[in-house]
Amino acid sequence: MFENMRQAWRDAMSRASSPGEGRAVLAMMREALVEAKVGVSEVRAAIGMTRAQLEHEQTELETARRRGKMAADIHDAETVRLAERYATKHQDRIAMLERKLQAQTSELALAEQELAEMTEQFHSMASGAGLPGVGGPSPSSASSSPSESADASLDADLAGLRRAADRSAREADAERRLEELKRRMGR
């Protein structure tokens, strides 16, 4: 996911050769930075979903163990066998989800580090330290620096994307819960 974003960033950085291209490069960098922020948000959402799945599986494991113990207490061998089979399945899923969560957490740490580096580079470029012909206060923005206006624009774009991603995550969660409820009710 982040490889495309990294390539876009490298492309933008390599184009910073002339004053005429400076503004276009900043626009490309800005887009890449917004995409990176969205990517980090998506990884965070995925981690939240994985944690919810892990919690669900742990609950199901406890339920299977409890049912197996109750069945053993009344000497119901068939139910004990089924409970053990389901407990094993839930343990396997828990182990897989724990590995998945560990990988996602590592991916998030790397993505956040790259995002911080990209943000720093973008601010440097926007303030004129890294691009020829870019920077310095323009007549229309004498009261705020290019870096501050770029931050405000990025934050506004990111807020809109975050709202859309949050809405999608809520809808997916509601759909998952509805399916779970239907499954439990036998429909």
N, C-alpha and C. Protein backbone atom coordinates (compact mmCIF):
# COMPACT_ATOMS: atom_id res chain seq x y z
N MET A 1 0.82 -1.19 0.00
CA MET A 1 0.00 0.00 0.00
C MET A 1 0.86 1.26 0.00
N PHE A 2 1.91 1.23 0.80
CA PHE A 2 2.72 2.44 0.94
C PHE A 2 3.78 2.56 -0.15
N GLU A 3 4.01 1.51 -0.91
CA GLU A 3 5.02 1.58 -1.96
C GLU A 3 4.62 2.57 -3.05
N ASN A 4 3.35 2.60 -3.44
CA ASN A 4 2.89 3.57 -4.44
C ASN A 4 3.06 4.99 -3.93
N MET A 5 2.75 5.19 -2.65
CA MET A 5 2.89 6.51 -2.05
C MET A 5 4.36 6.93 -2.03
N ARG A 6 5.24 5.99 -1.70
CA ARG A 6 6.68 6.30 -1.67
C ARG A 6 7.18 6.65 -3.07
N GLN A 7 6.69 5.92 -4.07
CA GLN A 7 7.11 6.20 -5.44
C GLN A 7 6.63 7.58 -5.89
N ALA A 8 5.40 7.94 -5.56
CA ALA A 8 4.89 9.27 -5.89
C ALA A 8 5.74 10.34 -5.22
N TRP A 9 6.14 10.09 -3.99
CA TRP A 9 6.98 11.05 -3.26
C TRP A 9 8.33 11.20 -3.94
N ARG A 10 8.94 10.06 -4.32
CA ARG A 10 10.24 10.11 -4.99
C ARG A 10 10.12 10.85 -6.33
N ASP A 11 9.03 10.60 -7.06
CA ASP A 11 8.82 11.29 -8.33
C ASP A 11 8.74 12.80 -8.13
N ALA A 12 8.00 13.21 -7.11
CA ALA A 12 7.87 14.64 -6.83
C ALA A 12 9.22 15.24 -6.47
N MET A 13 9.98 14.55 -5.65
CA MET A 13 11.29 15.06 -5.23
C MET A 13 12.24 15.16 -6.43
N SER A 14 12.18 14.22 -7.35
CA SER A 14 13.11 14.24 -8.49
C SER A 14 12.77 15.34 -9.49
N ARG A 15 11.56 15.84 -9.48
CA ARG A 15 11.16 16.89 -10.41
C ARG A 15 11.55 18.28 -9.93
N ALA A 16 12.04 18.40 -8.75
CA ALA A 16 12.33 19.72 -8.18
C ALA A 16 13.63 20.28 -8.74
N SER A 17 13.64 20.56 -10.04
CA SER A 17 14.88 21.03 -10.65
C SER A 17 14.83 22.47 -11.13
N SER A 18 13.65 23.02 -11.34
CA SER A 18 13.60 24.38 -11.85
C SER A 18 12.53 25.19 -11.13
N PRO A 19 12.66 26.50 -11.15
CA PRO A 19 11.68 27.34 -10.47
C PRO A 19 10.26 27.14 -11.00
N GLY A 20 10.12 26.90 -12.30
CA GLY A 20 8.79 26.74 -12.88
C GLY A 20 8.08 25.49 -12.40
N GLU A 21 8.84 24.48 -12.05
CA GLU A 21 8.25 23.23 -11.60
C GLU A 21 8.01 23.19 -10.10
N GLY A 22 8.49 24.19 -9.38
CA GLY A 22 8.40 24.20 -7.93
C GLY A 22 7.00 24.05 -7.39
N ARG A 23 6.08 24.83 -7.93
CA ARG A 23 4.69 24.77 -7.44
C ARG A 23 4.04 23.43 -7.77
N ALA A 24 4.31 22.90 -8.96
CA ALA A 24 3.76 21.60 -9.34
C ALA A 24 4.29 20.50 -8.44
N VAL A 25 5.56 20.60 -8.10
CA VAL A 25 6.17 19.61 -7.21
C VAL A 25 5.52 19.67 -5.84
N LEU A 26 5.31 20.87 -5.33
CA LEU A 26 4.65 21.01 -4.04
C LEU A 26 3.25 20.40 -4.08
N ALA A 27 2.54 20.60 -5.17
CA ALA A 27 1.20 20.03 -5.29
C ALA A 27 1.27 18.50 -5.29
N MET A 28 2.24 17.94 -6.00
CA MET A 28 2.41 16.48 -6.01
C MET A 28 2.77 15.96 -4.63
N MET A 29 3.66 16.69 -3.96
CA MET A 29 4.06 16.28 -2.62
C MET A 29 2.87 16.34 -1.67
N ARG A 30 2.06 17.37 -1.82
CA ARG A 30 0.89 17.54 -0.98
C ARG A 30 -0.06 16.36 -1.17
N GLU A 31 -0.30 15.97 -2.41
CA GLU A 31 -1.17 14.82 -2.69
C GLU A 31 -0.60 13.55 -2.08
N ALA A 32 0.69 13.34 -2.23
CA ALA A 32 1.33 12.15 -1.67
C ALA A 32 1.23 12.16 -0.15
N LEU A 33 1.37 13.33 0.45
CA LEU A 33 1.27 13.44 1.90
C LEU A 33 -0.15 13.13 2.38
N VAL A 34 -1.14 13.63 1.67
CA VAL A 34 -2.54 13.34 2.03
C VAL A 34 -2.79 11.83 1.91
N GLU A 35 -2.31 11.22 0.83
CA GLU A 35 -2.48 9.78 0.65
C GLU A 35 -1.79 9.01 1.78
N ALA A 36 -0.63 9.47 2.18
CA ALA A 36 0.08 8.80 3.27
C ALA A 36 -0.71 8.89 4.57
N LYS A 37 -1.28 10.07 4.83
CA LYS A 37 -2.08 10.22 6.05
C LYS A 37 -3.31 9.33 6.01
N VAL A 38 -3.94 9.23 4.86
CA VAL A 38 -5.09 8.35 4.72
C VAL A 38 -4.66 6.89 4.92
N GLY A 39 -3.52 6.53 4.35
CA GLY A 39 -3.01 5.17 4.52
C GLY A 39 -2.75 4.83 5.98
N VAL A 40 -2.18 5.76 6.71
CA VAL A 40 -1.93 5.54 8.14
C VAL A 40 -3.26 5.38 8.87
N SER A 41 -4.24 6.19 8.52
CA SER A 41 -5.56 6.07 9.14
C SER A 41 -6.20 4.72 8.84
N GLU A 42 -6.03 4.24 7.61
CA GLU A 42 -6.58 2.94 7.24
C GLU A 42 -5.91 1.81 8.02
N VAL A 43 -4.60 1.90 8.21
CA VAL A 43 -3.90 0.88 8.99
C VAL A 43 -4.39 0.91 10.43
N ARG A 44 -4.59 2.10 10.98
CA ARG A 44 -5.13 2.20 12.34
C ARG A 44 -6.52 1.57 12.44
N ALA A 45 -7.36 1.83 11.44
CA ALA A 45 -8.70 1.24 11.42
C ALA A 45 -8.62 -0.28 11.32
N ALA A 46 -7.71 -0.78 10.50
CA ALA A 46 -7.53 -2.22 10.35
C ALA A 46 -7.07 -2.85 11.66
N ILE A 47 -6.20 -2.14 12.38
CA ILE A 47 -5.76 -2.64 13.69
C ILE A 47 -6.94 -2.72 14.64
N GLY A 48 -7.79 -1.71 14.62
CA GLY A 48 -8.98 -1.73 15.47
C GLY A 48 -9.90 -2.90 15.15
N MET A 49 -10.07 -3.18 13.86
CA MET A 49 -10.91 -4.30 13.46
C MET A 49 -10.28 -5.63 13.87
N THR A 50 -8.97 -5.74 13.73
CA THR A 50 -8.29 -6.97 14.13
C THR A 50 -8.41 -7.18 15.63
N ARG A 51 -8.28 -6.10 16.39
CA ARG A 51 -8.44 -6.22 17.86
C ARG A 51 -9.86 -6.67 18.22
N ALA A 52 -10.85 -6.13 17.51
CA ALA A 52 -12.24 -6.53 17.76
C ALA A 52 -12.44 -8.01 17.42
N GLN A 53 -11.86 -8.45 16.31
CA GLN A 53 -11.97 -9.86 15.93
C GLN A 53 -11.27 -10.75 16.97
N LEU A 54 -10.11 -10.30 17.43
CA LEU A 54 -9.37 -11.06 18.43
C LEU A 54 -10.18 -11.17 19.72
N GLU A 55 -10.77 -10.08 20.14
CA GLU A 55 -11.59 -10.09 21.35
C GLU A 55 -12.78 -11.04 21.18
N HIS A 56 -13.40 -11.01 20.00
CA HIS A 56 -14.53 -11.89 19.72
C HIS A 56 -14.11 -13.36 19.81
N GLU A 57 -12.98 -13.69 19.20
CA GLU A 57 -12.50 -15.07 19.22
C GLU A 57 -12.15 -15.51 20.64
N GLN A 58 -11.59 -14.61 21.44
CA GLN A 58 -11.27 -14.96 22.82
C GLN A 58 -12.55 -15.24 23.62
N THR A 59 -13.58 -14.46 23.36
CA THR A 59 -14.87 -14.69 24.01
C THR A 59 -15.45 -16.04 23.60
N GLU A 60 -15.37 -16.33 22.29
CA GLU A 60 -15.88 -17.61 21.79
C GLU A 60 -15.09 -18.79 22.36
N LEU A 61 -13.78 -18.61 22.52
CA LEU A 61 -12.96 -19.66 23.12
C LEU A 61 -13.40 -19.94 24.55
N GLU A 62 -13.60 -18.89 25.32
CA GLU A 62 -14.07 -19.06 26.70
C GLU A 62 -15.44 -19.75 26.73
N THR A 63 -16.30 -19.38 25.81
CA THR A 63 -17.62 -20.01 25.74
C THR A 63 -17.49 -21.51 25.44
N ALA A 64 -16.65 -21.85 24.47
CA ALA A 64 -16.45 -23.26 24.13
C ALA A 64 -15.87 -24.03 25.32
N ARG A 65 -14.93 -23.45 26.00
CA ARG A 65 -14.34 -24.11 27.17
C ARG A 65 -15.38 -24.29 28.28
N ARG A 66 -16.17 -23.25 28.51
CA ARG A 66 -17.20 -23.32 29.55
C ARG A 66 -18.22 -24.41 29.22
N ARG A 67 -18.63 -24.47 27.96
CA ARG A 67 -19.60 -25.50 27.55
C ARG A 67 -19.00 -26.90 27.66
N GLY A 68 -17.73 -27.02 27.32
CA GLY A 68 -17.07 -28.31 27.47
C GLY A 68 -17.00 -28.75 28.91
N LYS A 69 -16.73 -27.82 29.80
CA LYS A 69 -16.66 -28.16 31.23
C LYS A 69 -18.03 -28.56 31.75
N MET A 70 -19.05 -27.80 31.34
CA MET A 70 -20.41 -28.13 31.79
C MET A 70 -20.83 -29.51 31.25
N ALA A 71 -20.47 -29.81 30.01
CA ALA A 71 -20.81 -31.10 29.43
C ALA A 71 -20.05 -32.23 30.13
N ALA A 72 -18.80 -31.96 30.51
CA ALA A 72 -18.02 -32.97 31.23
C ALA A 72 -18.63 -33.25 32.60
N ASP A 73 -19.18 -32.20 33.21
CA ASP A 73 -19.80 -32.36 34.53
C ASP A 73 -21.03 -33.27 34.47
N ILE A 74 -21.71 -33.31 33.34
CA ILE A 74 -22.90 -34.16 33.23
C ILE A 74 -22.62 -35.40 32.37
N HIS A 75 -21.33 -35.64 32.09
CA HIS A 75 -20.87 -36.82 31.35
C HIS A 75 -21.47 -36.92 29.96
N ASP A 76 -21.50 -35.80 29.23
CA ASP A 76 -21.99 -35.76 27.84
C ASP A 76 -20.77 -35.76 26.93
N ALA A 77 -20.29 -36.92 26.57
CA ALA A 77 -19.04 -37.07 25.82
C ALA A 77 -19.11 -36.39 24.45
N GLU A 78 -20.24 -36.49 23.77
CA GLU A 78 -20.38 -35.90 22.44
C GLU A 78 -20.21 -34.38 22.51
N THR A 79 -20.87 -33.74 23.48
CA THR A 79 -20.76 -32.28 23.61
C THR A 79 -19.35 -31.88 24.03
N VAL A 80 -18.71 -32.67 24.86
CA VAL A 80 -17.33 -32.40 25.26
C VAL A 80 -16.43 -32.44 24.02
N ARG A 81 -16.63 -33.45 23.16
CA ARG A 81 -15.82 -33.57 21.94
C ARG A 81 -16.03 -32.36 21.03
N LEU A 82 -17.28 -31.95 20.85
CA LEU A 82 -17.57 -30.78 20.02
C LEU A 82 -16.97 -29.50 20.61
N ALA A 83 -17.09 -29.35 21.91
CA ALA A 83 -16.56 -28.16 22.57
C ALA A 83 -15.04 -28.09 22.41
N GLU A 84 -14.37 -29.24 22.52
CA GLU A 84 -12.92 -29.27 22.34
C GLU A 84 -12.55 -28.92 20.90
N ARG A 85 -13.32 -29.42 19.94
CA ARG A 85 -13.05 -29.11 18.54
C ARG A 85 -13.19 -27.61 18.28
N TYR A 86 -14.27 -27.01 18.81
CA TYR A 86 -14.47 -25.57 18.62
C TYR A 86 -13.41 -24.76 19.38
N ALA A 87 -13.02 -25.22 20.54
CA ALA A 87 -11.98 -24.52 21.29
C ALA A 87 -10.67 -24.52 20.50
N THR A 88 -10.35 -25.63 19.87
CA THR A 88 -9.14 -25.71 19.06
C THR A 88 -9.20 -24.74 17.89
N LYS A 89 -10.36 -24.68 17.21
CA LYS A 89 -10.53 -23.74 16.10
C LYS A 89 -10.35 -22.30 16.56
N HIS A 90 -10.94 -21.96 17.70
CA HIS A 90 -10.82 -20.60 18.20
C HIS A 90 -9.39 -20.28 18.63
N GLN A 91 -8.69 -21.27 19.20
CA GLN A 91 -7.29 -21.05 19.56
C GLN A 91 -6.44 -20.79 18.32
N ASP A 92 -6.71 -21.54 17.25
CA ASP A 92 -5.97 -21.33 16.00
C ASP A 92 -6.24 -19.93 15.44
N ARG A 93 -7.49 -19.51 15.47
CA ARG A 93 -7.83 -18.17 14.98
C ARG A 93 -7.20 -17.09 15.83
N ILE A 94 -7.17 -17.32 17.14
CA ILE A 94 -6.55 -16.34 18.05
C ILE A 94 -5.07 -16.21 17.73
N ALA A 95 -4.39 -17.32 17.52
CA ALA A 95 -2.96 -17.28 17.20
C ALA A 95 -2.74 -16.52 15.89
N MET A 96 -3.57 -16.78 14.88
CA MET A 96 -3.44 -16.09 13.60
C MET A 96 -3.70 -14.59 13.76
N LEU A 97 -4.74 -14.23 14.51
CA LEU A 97 -5.06 -12.81 14.70
C LEU A 97 -3.98 -12.09 15.49
N GLU A 98 -3.36 -12.78 16.44
CA GLU A 98 -2.26 -12.16 17.19
C GLU A 98 -1.08 -11.87 16.28
N ARG A 99 -0.78 -12.81 15.37
CA ARG A 99 0.31 -12.57 14.40
C ARG A 99 -0.06 -11.42 13.47
N LYS A 100 -1.30 -11.40 13.03
CA LYS A 100 -1.78 -10.33 12.14
C LYS A 100 -1.68 -8.98 12.84
N LEU A 101 -2.09 -8.93 14.11
CA LEU A 101 -2.03 -7.68 14.87
C LEU A 101 -0.59 -7.21 15.04
N GLN A 102 0.30 -8.14 15.29
CA GLN A 102 1.72 -7.78 15.43
C GLN A 102 2.26 -7.20 14.12
N ALA A 103 1.90 -7.81 12.99
CA ALA A 103 2.36 -7.32 11.69
C ALA A 103 1.76 -5.94 11.39
N GLN A 104 0.48 -5.76 11.69
CA GLN A 104 -0.16 -4.47 11.45
C GLN A 104 0.44 -3.38 12.33
N THR A 105 0.77 -3.72 13.56
CA THR A 105 1.38 -2.75 14.47
C THR A 105 2.76 -2.34 13.96
N SER A 106 3.52 -3.30 13.45
CA SER A 106 4.83 -2.98 12.87
C SER A 106 4.67 -2.11 11.63
N GLU A 107 3.69 -2.44 10.80
CA GLU A 107 3.43 -1.65 9.59
C GLU A 107 3.05 -0.22 9.97
N LEU A 108 2.24 -0.07 11.00
CA LEU A 108 1.83 1.26 11.44
C LEU A 108 3.03 2.07 11.92
N ALA A 109 3.90 1.45 12.68
CA ALA A 109 5.08 2.16 13.18
C ALA A 109 5.95 2.66 12.01
N LEU A 110 6.16 1.80 11.02
CA LEU A 110 6.95 2.22 9.86
C LEU A 110 6.24 3.33 9.08
N ALA A 111 4.95 3.18 8.89
CA ALA A 111 4.19 4.18 8.14
C ALA A 111 4.20 5.53 8.86
N GLU A 112 4.05 5.51 10.17
CA GLU A 112 4.07 6.77 10.93
C GLU A 112 5.44 7.43 10.84
N GLN A 113 6.51 6.62 10.86
CA GLN A 113 7.86 7.17 10.74
C GLN A 113 8.04 7.80 9.36
N GLU A 114 7.60 7.11 8.32
CA GLU A 114 7.71 7.67 6.96
C GLU A 114 6.86 8.92 6.82
N LEU A 115 5.68 8.91 7.41
CA LEU A 115 4.81 10.08 7.34
C LEU A 115 5.47 11.28 8.02
N ALA A 116 6.11 11.06 9.14
CA ALA A 116 6.80 12.15 9.83
C ALA A 116 7.93 12.71 8.96
N GLU A 117 8.68 11.81 8.32
CA GLU A 117 9.77 12.27 7.44
C GLU A 117 9.22 13.04 6.25
N MET A 118 8.13 12.54 5.66
CA MET A 118 7.53 13.21 4.52
C MET A 118 7.00 14.59 4.92
N THR A 119 6.38 14.66 6.07
CA THR A 119 5.84 15.94 6.55
C THR A 119 6.96 16.94 6.74
N GLU A 120 8.05 16.48 7.33
CA GLU A 120 9.19 17.36 7.54
C GLU A 120 9.75 17.85 6.20
N GLN A 121 9.88 16.95 5.24
CA GLN A 121 10.37 17.35 3.92
C GLN A 121 9.42 18.32 3.24
N PHE A 122 8.13 18.07 3.37
CA PHE A 122 7.13 18.94 2.75
C PHE A 122 7.22 20.34 3.35
N HIS A 123 7.31 20.43 4.66
CA HIS A 123 7.42 21.74 5.31
C HIS A 123 8.69 22.47 4.87
N SER A 124 9.76 21.71 4.76
CA SER A 124 11.02 22.31 4.31
C SER A 124 10.86 22.85 2.89
N MET A 125 10.24 22.07 2.03
CA MET A 125 10.03 22.50 0.65
C MET A 125 9.05 23.68 0.59
N ALA A 126 7.99 23.60 1.35
CA ALA A 126 6.97 24.66 1.31
C ALA A 126 7.51 25.98 1.83
N SER A 127 8.47 25.91 2.73
CA SER A 127 9.04 27.15 3.24
C SER A 127 10.12 27.70 2.32
N GLY A 128 10.42 26.94 1.27
CA GLY A 128 11.37 27.42 0.28
C GLY A 128 12.77 26.93 0.48
N ALA A 129 13.02 26.12 1.48
CA ALA A 129 14.37 25.67 1.75
C ALA A 129 14.83 24.61 0.75
N GLY A 130 13.88 23.92 0.10
CA GLY A 130 14.29 22.82 -0.75
C GLY A 130 13.95 22.95 -2.21
N LEU A 131 13.14 23.90 -2.60
CA LEU A 131 12.77 24.03 -4.00
C LEU A 131 13.17 25.38 -4.55
N PRO A 132 13.76 25.40 -5.72
CA PRO A 132 14.08 26.68 -6.33
C PRO A 132 12.81 27.38 -6.79
N GLY A 133 12.69 28.65 -6.51
CA GLY A 133 11.54 29.41 -6.96
C GLY A 133 10.31 29.26 -6.11
N VAL A 134 10.40 28.54 -5.00
CA VAL A 134 9.26 28.34 -4.13
C VAL A 134 9.61 28.91 -2.77
N GLY A 135 8.64 29.49 -2.13
CA GLY A 135 8.85 29.98 -0.78
C GLY A 135 8.84 31.47 -0.74
N GLY A 136 9.06 31.97 0.42
CA GLY A 136 8.95 33.41 0.62
C GLY A 136 7.50 33.80 0.63
N PRO A 137 7.14 34.82 1.34
CA PRO A 137 5.74 35.18 1.42
C PRO A 137 5.23 35.74 0.10
N SER A 138 4.11 35.24 -0.33
CA SER A 138 3.48 35.77 -1.54
C SER A 138 2.62 36.95 -1.14
N PRO A 139 2.27 37.82 -2.09
CA PRO A 139 1.48 38.99 -1.75
C PRO A 139 0.14 38.63 -1.12
N SER A 140 -0.44 37.51 -1.52
CA SER A 140 -1.75 37.16 -0.99
C SER A 140 -1.67 36.47 0.36
N SER A 141 -0.48 36.03 0.76
CA SER A 141 -0.37 35.33 2.03
C SER A 141 0.69 35.95 2.92
N ALA A 142 0.72 37.22 3.00
CA ALA A 142 1.74 37.90 3.79
C ALA A 142 1.59 37.61 5.28
N SER A 143 0.39 37.29 5.73
CA SER A 143 0.18 37.08 7.16
C SER A 143 0.50 35.66 7.60
N SER A 144 0.54 34.68 6.67
CA SER A 144 0.86 33.32 7.07
C SER A 144 1.92 32.76 6.14
N SER A 145 2.73 31.86 6.67
CA SER A 145 3.80 31.27 5.87
C SER A 145 3.22 30.22 4.94
N PRO A 146 3.94 29.87 3.87
CA PRO A 146 3.46 28.81 2.98
C PRO A 146 3.28 27.49 3.72
N SER A 147 4.15 27.24 4.68
CA SER A 147 4.05 26.01 5.44
C SER A 147 2.74 25.96 6.23
N GLU A 148 2.36 27.09 6.83
CA GLU A 148 1.11 27.13 7.60
C GLU A 148 -0.10 26.96 6.71
N SER A 149 -0.10 27.60 5.54
CA SER A 149 -1.25 27.45 4.65
C SER A 149 -1.30 26.04 4.08
N ALA A 150 -0.15 25.44 3.83
CA ALA A 150 -0.12 24.05 3.36
C ALA A 150 -0.65 23.12 4.44
N ASP A 151 -0.26 23.37 5.69
CA ASP A 151 -0.77 22.57 6.80
C ASP A 151 -2.28 22.68 6.90
N ALA A 152 -2.80 23.88 6.81
CA ALA A 152 -4.24 24.07 6.93
C ALA A 152 -4.97 23.35 5.81
N SER A 153 -4.45 23.44 4.61
CA SER A 153 -5.07 22.76 3.47
C SER A 153 -4.99 21.25 3.62
N LEU A 154 -3.84 20.75 4.05
CA LEU A 154 -3.69 19.31 4.28
C LEU A 154 -4.64 18.83 5.36
N ASP A 155 -4.73 19.61 6.45
CA ASP A 155 -5.62 19.22 7.54
C ASP A 155 -7.07 19.19 7.09
N ALA A 156 -7.47 20.14 6.27
CA ALA A 156 -8.85 20.17 5.78
C ALA A 156 -9.11 18.96 4.88
N ASP A 157 -8.18 18.66 3.98
CA ASP A 157 -8.35 17.48 3.12
C ASP A 157 -8.39 16.20 3.95
N LEU A 158 -7.49 16.11 4.90
CA LEU A 158 -7.43 14.92 5.72
C LEU A 158 -8.69 14.76 6.57
N ALA A 159 -9.21 15.85 7.09
CA ALA A 159 -10.43 15.78 7.90
C ALA A 159 -11.58 15.22 7.07
N GLY A 160 -11.72 15.68 5.84
CA GLY A 160 -12.77 15.15 4.97
C GLY A 160 -12.58 13.67 4.68
N LEU A 161 -11.35 13.28 4.41
CA LEU A 161 -11.07 11.87 4.14
C LEU A 161 -11.28 11.02 5.39
N ARG A 162 -10.91 11.57 6.55
CA ARG A 162 -11.10 10.85 7.80
C ARG A 162 -12.59 10.60 8.07
N ARG A 163 -13.41 11.65 7.81
CA ARG A 163 -14.85 11.50 8.02
C ARG A 163 -15.40 10.40 7.12
N ALA A 164 -14.97 10.38 5.87
CA ALA A 164 -15.44 9.35 4.94
C ALA A 164 -14.98 7.96 5.38
N ALA A 165 -13.73 7.85 5.81
CA ALA A 165 -13.20 6.56 6.26
C ALA A 165 -13.92 6.11 7.53
N ASP A 166 -14.16 7.03 8.46
CA ASP A 166 -14.89 6.69 9.69
C ASP A 166 -16.30 6.22 9.38
N ARG A 167 -16.95 6.91 8.46
CA ARG A 167 -18.31 6.52 8.07
C ARG A 167 -18.30 5.12 7.47
N SER A 168 -17.35 4.83 6.61
CA SER A 168 -17.24 3.50 6.01
C SER A 168 -16.97 2.44 7.07
N ALA A 169 -16.10 2.75 8.02
CA ALA A 169 -15.79 1.80 9.09
C ALA A 169 -17.01 1.54 9.95
N ARG A 170 -17.78 2.60 10.25
CA ARG A 170 -19.00 2.42 11.06
C ARG A 170 -20.01 1.56 10.31
N GLU A 171 -20.15 1.81 9.02
CA GLU A 171 -21.10 1.02 8.22
C GLU A 171 -20.67 -0.43 8.16
N ALA A 172 -19.38 -0.68 7.99
CA ALA A 172 -18.88 -2.06 7.94
C ALA A 172 -19.08 -2.74 9.28
N ASP A 173 -18.84 -2.03 10.37
CA ASP A 173 -19.04 -2.59 11.70
C ASP A 173 -20.51 -2.90 11.93
N ALA A 174 -21.40 -2.01 11.53
CA ALA A 174 -22.84 -2.25 11.69
C ALA A 174 -23.26 -3.47 10.87
N GLU A 175 -22.73 -3.57 9.68
CA GLU A 175 -23.05 -4.72 8.82
C GLU A 175 -22.55 -6.02 9.46
N ARG A 176 -21.34 -5.99 10.00
CA ARG A 176 -20.79 -7.17 10.66
C ARG A 176 -21.63 -7.57 11.86
N ARG A 177 -22.04 -6.58 12.65
CA ARG A 177 -22.86 -6.87 13.83
C ARG A 177 -24.22 -7.42 13.43
N LEU A 178 -24.80 -6.89 12.36
CA LEU A 178 -26.08 -7.38 11.89
C LEU A 178 -25.96 -8.83 11.44
N GLU A 179 -24.90 -9.15 10.71
CA GLU A 179 -24.69 -10.53 10.28
C GLU A 179 -24.50 -11.46 11.48
N GLU A 180 -23.77 -11.00 12.47
CA GLU A 180 -23.56 -11.79 13.69
C GLU A 180 -24.89 -12.02 14.40
N LEU A 181 -25.71 -10.99 14.50
CA LEU A 181 -27.02 -11.11 15.14
C LEU A 181 -27.90 -12.09 14.37
N LYS A 182 -27.90 -11.97 13.04
CA LYS A 182 -28.68 -12.89 12.22
C LYS A 182 -28.21 -14.33 12.41
N ARG A 183 -26.88 -14.51 12.48
CA ARG A 183 -26.32 -15.84 12.67
C ARG A 183 -26.78 -16.42 14.00
N ARG A 184 -26.75 -15.60 15.03
CA ARG A 184 -27.13 -16.08 16.36
C ARG A 184 -28.62 -16.39 16.43
N MET A 185 -29.41 -15.64 15.68
CA MET A 185 -30.86 -15.87 15.69
C MET A 185 -31.25 -16.99 14.74
N GLY A 186 -30.29 -17.47 13.95
CA GLY A 186 -30.56 -18.59 13.06
C GLY A 186 -31.28 -18.19 11.78
N ARG A 187 -31.09 -16.99 11.33
CA ARG A 187 -31.75 -16.52 10.11
C ARG A 187 -30.78 -16.43 8.98
